[in-house]
Amino acid sequence: MNQITKENLEEFFTYYHGFHDSFIKEIHYDTFGANIELLIYVYWSGKPLLKENNTYQTNRTKMKMVLKEVEQCNIKEIFSWDYINQAFLKYVKLNNKEFLCFASEEEEPMLYVVCKSIEYEDLKESW
């Protein structure tokens, strides 16, 4: 698995187009390990290609994200029609410690997690 760091955060976020039009398909909790595992159906990845019929090939893929050492978490009820418009992914300070914050949206997110680190794997499977 790959790790999101300060050095690769911007590149990661750009490559996956801020998770625009993506869906959170599954959420798994490891309460004792303080981890949350997400399966995200990513709609846009890499460089979209304009096809002959004037539509874009968006390079859909599945991604597994593991949010480790969760400090704070808020998850609202998520429905199958809920999608991400523009995710939020930044380093934040909380109680004088630095954490990563991942949220489905900056304003009124369905999912909001503050954690020590995030690992991810592009499963290279279309959905």
C-alpha atoms as a PDB file:
ATOM      1  CA  MET A   1       0.000   0.000   0.000  1.00  0.00           C
ATOM      2  CA  ASN A   2       1.060   3.591  -0.613  1.00  0.00           C
ATOM      3  CA  GLN A   3       1.073   6.261   2.057  1.00  0.00           C
ATOM      4  CA  ILE A   4      -0.167   9.826   1.724  1.00  0.00           C
ATOM      5  CA  THR A   5       2.485  12.266   2.904  1.00  0.00           C
ATOM      6  CA  LYS A   6       2.965  16.021   2.827  1.00  0.00           C
ATOM      7  CA  GLU A   7       5.208  15.515  -0.190  1.00  0.00           C
ATOM      8  CA  ASN A   8       2.706  13.550  -2.300  1.00  0.00           C
ATOM      9  CA  LEU A   9      -0.644  14.844  -0.995  1.00  0.00           C
ATOM     10  CA  GLU A  10      -1.180  17.445  -3.746  1.00  0.00           C
ATOM     11  CA  GLU A  11      -0.153  15.031  -6.513  1.00  0.00           C
ATOM     12  CA  PHE A  12      -2.427  12.317  -5.088  1.00  0.00           C
ATOM     13  CA  PHE A  13      -5.393  14.677  -4.789  1.00  0.00           C
ATOM     14  CA  THR A  14      -4.882  16.024  -8.319  1.00  0.00           C
ATOM     15  CA  TYR A  15      -4.476  12.549  -9.853  1.00  0.00           C
ATOM     16  CA  TYR A  16      -7.824  11.464  -8.390  1.00  0.00           C
ATOM     17  CA  HIS A  17      -9.510  14.807  -9.243  1.00  0.00           C
ATOM     18  CA  GLY A  18     -10.542  15.473  -5.643  1.00  0.00           C
ATOM     19  CA  PHE A  19     -12.700  12.328  -5.813  1.00  0.00           C
ATOM     20  CA  HIS A  20     -15.244  14.279  -7.898  1.00  0.00           C
ATOM     21  CA  ASP A  21     -18.322  12.145  -8.721  1.00  0.00           C
ATOM     22  CA  SER A  22     -16.917   9.243  -6.659  1.00  0.00           C
ATOM     23  CA  PHE A  23     -18.855   7.034  -4.230  1.00  0.00           C
ATOM     24  CA  ILE A  24     -17.988   5.571  -0.847  1.00  0.00           C
ATOM     25  CA  LYS A  25     -19.051   1.972  -1.418  1.00  0.00           C
ATOM     26  CA  GLU A  26     -18.025   0.340   1.879  1.00  0.00           C
ATOM     27  CA  ILE A  27     -16.871   1.399   5.339  1.00  0.00           C
ATOM     28  CA  HIS A  28     -15.204  -1.081   7.705  1.00  0.00           C
ATOM     29  CA  TYR A  29     -14.372  -0.224  11.315  1.00  0.00           C
ATOM     30  CA  ASP A  30     -11.573  -1.688  13.392  1.00  0.00           C
ATOM     31  CA  THR A  31     -12.578  -0.262  16.755  1.00  0.00           C
ATOM     32  CA  PHE A  32      -9.708  -1.713  18.786  1.00  0.00           C
ATOM     33  CA  GLY A  33      -7.086  -0.755  16.197  1.00  0.00           C
ATOM     34  CA  ALA A  34      -8.662   2.694  15.709  1.00  0.00           C
ATOM     35  CA  ASN A  35      -8.663   2.234  11.917  1.00  0.00           C
ATOM     36  CA  ILE A  36     -11.293   2.818   9.255  1.00  0.00           C
ATOM     37  CA  GLU A  37     -11.089   1.119   5.875  1.00  0.00           C
ATOM     38  CA  LEU A  38     -12.940   2.628   2.914  1.00  0.00           C
ATOM     39  CA  LEU A  39     -13.704   1.184  -0.494  1.00  0.00           C
ATOM     40  CA  ILE A  40     -14.198   4.113  -2.843  1.00  0.00           C
ATOM     41  CA  TYR A  41     -15.455   3.898  -6.406  1.00  0.00           C
ATOM     42  CA  VAL A  42     -13.324   6.626  -7.986  1.00  0.00           C
ATOM     43  CA  TYR A  43     -14.862   8.133 -11.110  1.00  0.00           C
ATOM     44  CA  TRP A  44     -11.944  10.290 -12.321  1.00  0.00           C
ATOM     45  CA  SER A  45      -8.292   9.248 -12.225  1.00  0.00           C
ATOM     46  CA  GLY A  46      -5.252  10.194 -14.219  1.00  0.00           C
ATOM     47  CA  LYS A  47      -5.675  12.243 -17.377  1.00  0.00           C
ATOM     48  CA  PRO A  48      -9.149  11.944 -18.922  1.00  0.00           C
ATOM     49  CA  LEU A  49      -9.162  11.313 -22.668  1.00  0.00           C
ATOM     50  CA  LEU A  50     -11.634  12.920 -25.064  1.00  0.00           C
ATOM     51  CA  LYS A  51     -13.153  10.155 -27.167  1.00  0.00           C
ATOM     52  CA  GLU A  52     -14.369  10.487 -30.766  1.00  0.00           C
ATOM     53  CA  ASN A  53     -17.989  10.859 -29.611  1.00  0.00           C
ATOM     54  CA  ASN A  54     -17.002  13.950 -27.532  1.00  0.00           C
ATOM     55  CA  THR A  55     -17.322  12.158 -24.183  1.00  0.00           C
ATOM     56  CA  TYR A  56     -14.499  11.668 -21.720  1.00  0.00           C
ATOM     57  CA  GLN A  57     -12.879   8.406 -20.730  1.00  0.00           C
ATOM     58  CA  THR A  58     -12.655   9.071 -16.989  1.00  0.00           C
ATOM     59  CA  ASN A  59     -10.508   6.071 -15.979  1.00  0.00           C
ATOM     60  CA  ARG A  60     -12.801   4.754 -13.253  1.00  0.00           C
ATOM     61  CA  THR A  61     -11.134   2.626 -10.598  1.00  0.00           C
ATOM     62  CA  LYS A  62     -11.708   1.153  -7.152  1.00  0.00           C
ATOM     63  CA  MET A  63      -9.573   2.395  -4.279  1.00  0.00           C
ATOM     64  CA  LYS A  64      -9.005   0.978  -0.826  1.00  0.00           C
ATOM     65  CA  MET A  65      -8.071   3.579   1.801  1.00  0.00           C
ATOM     66  CA  VAL A  66      -7.044   2.769   5.345  1.00  0.00           C
ATOM     67  CA  LEU A  67      -7.270   5.679   7.768  1.00  0.00           C
ATOM     68  CA  LYS A  68      -5.021   4.747  10.684  1.00  0.00           C
ATOM     69  CA  GLU A  69      -5.014   5.823  14.320  1.00  0.00           C
ATOM     70  CA  VAL A  70      -8.308   7.676  14.061  1.00  0.00           C
ATOM     71  CA  GLU A  71      -8.535  10.644  16.408  1.00  0.00           C
ATOM     72  CA  GLN A  72     -11.991  11.919  15.391  1.00  0.00           C
ATOM     73  CA  CYS A  73     -14.685  10.524  13.166  1.00  0.00           C
ATOM     74  CA  ASN A  74     -18.144  11.597  12.088  1.00  0.00           C
ATOM     75  CA  ILE A  75     -20.120   9.524   9.609  1.00  0.00           C
ATOM     76  CA  LYS A  76     -23.648  10.417   8.637  1.00  0.00           C
ATOM     77  CA  GLU A  77     -26.058   8.048   6.978  1.00  0.00           C
ATOM     78  CA  ILE A  78     -24.807   7.432   3.435  1.00  0.00           C
ATOM     79  CA  PHE A  79     -27.172   6.388   0.670  1.00  0.00           C
ATOM     80  CA  SER A  80     -26.388   4.773  -2.691  1.00  0.00           C
ATOM     81  CA  TRP A  81     -27.133   8.025  -4.515  1.00  0.00           C
ATOM     82  CA  ASP A  82     -24.747  10.098  -2.353  1.00  0.00           C
ATOM     83  CA  TYR A  83     -21.592  11.002  -4.222  1.00  0.00           C
ATOM     84  CA  ILE A  84     -18.568  13.168  -3.536  1.00  0.00           C
ATOM     85  CA  ASN A  85     -18.495  16.529  -5.265  1.00  0.00           C
ATOM     86  CA  GLN A  86     -15.062  17.698  -4.025  1.00  0.00           C
ATOM     87  CA  ALA A  87     -13.371  15.899  -1.140  1.00  0.00           C
ATOM     88  CA  PHE A  88     -11.279  17.603   1.518  1.00  0.00           C
ATOM     89  CA  LEU A  89      -7.808  16.225   2.275  1.00  0.00           C
ATOM     90  CA  LYS A  90      -5.360  18.291   4.315  1.00  0.00           C
ATOM     91  CA  TYR A  91      -3.040  18.212   7.279  1.00  0.00           C
ATOM     92  CA  VAL A  92      -4.627  19.856  10.326  1.00  0.00           C
ATOM     93  CA  LYS A  93      -3.536  20.694  13.873  1.00  0.00           C
ATOM     94  CA  LEU A  94      -5.588  19.269  16.711  1.00  0.00           C
ATOM     95  CA  ASN A  95      -4.517  19.537  20.358  1.00  0.00           C
ATOM     96  CA  ASN A  96      -1.054  20.686  19.192  1.00  0.00           C
ATOM     97  CA  LYS A  97      -0.577  17.514  17.117  1.00  0.00           C
ATOM     98  CA  GLU A  98      -0.619  17.173  13.350  1.00  0.00           C
ATOM     99  CA  PHE A  99      -3.164  14.869  11.694  1.00  0.00           C
ATOM    100  CA  LEU A 100      -4.559  14.165   8.261  1.00  0.00           C
ATOM    101  CA  CYS A 101      -8.181  15.117   7.701  1.00  0.00           C
ATOM    102  CA  PHE A 102     -10.207  13.348   5.018  1.00  0.00           C
ATOM    103  CA  ALA A 103     -13.785  14.456   4.422  1.00  0.00           C
ATOM    104  CA  SER A 104     -16.234  13.732   1.619  1.00  0.00           C
ATOM    105  CA  GLU A 105     -16.879  17.486   1.285  1.00  0.00           C
ATOM    106  CA  GLU A 106     -15.470  20.578   2.932  1.00  0.00           C
ATOM    107  CA  GLU A 107     -18.928  21.813   3.958  1.00  0.00           C
ATOM    108  CA  GLU A 108     -21.383  19.342   5.525  1.00  0.00           C
ATOM    109  CA  PRO A 109     -19.513  16.107   4.758  1.00  0.00           C
ATOM    110  CA  MET A 110     -21.118  12.649   4.872  1.00  0.00           C
ATOM    111  CA  LEU A 111     -17.798  11.344   6.195  1.00  0.00           C
ATOM    112  CA  TYR A 112     -15.212  13.214   8.246  1.00  0.00           C
ATOM    113  CA  VAL A 113     -12.124  11.479   9.667  1.00  0.00           C
ATOM    114  CA  VAL A 114      -9.088  12.940  11.434  1.00  0.00           C
ATOM    115  CA  CYS A 115      -6.287  10.381  11.655  1.00  0.00           C
ATOM    116  CA  LYS A 116      -2.543   9.951  12.072  1.00  0.00           C
ATOM    117  CA  SER A 117      -1.938   8.505   8.576  1.00  0.00           C
ATOM    118  CA  ILE A 118      -3.653   7.269   5.425  1.00  0.00           C
ATOM    119  CA  GLU A 119      -2.595   4.372   3.246  1.00  0.00           C
ATOM    120  CA  TYR A 120      -4.211   3.646  -0.088  1.00  0.00           C
ATOM    121  CA  GLU A 121      -4.206   1.122  -2.872  1.00  0.00           C
ATOM    122  CA  ASP A 122      -5.565   1.628  -6.371  1.00  0.00           C
ATOM    123  CA  LEU A 123      -7.109  -1.757  -7.078  1.00  0.00           C
ATOM    124  CA  LYS A 124      -6.932  -1.105 -10.853  1.00  0.00           C
ATOM    125  CA  GLU A 125     -10.452  -2.464 -11.287  1.00  0.00           C
ATOM    126  CA  SER A 126     -13.164  -0.587 -13.083  1.00  0.00           C
ATOM    127  CA  TRP A 127     -16.622  -0.531 -11.577  1.00  0.00           C
END
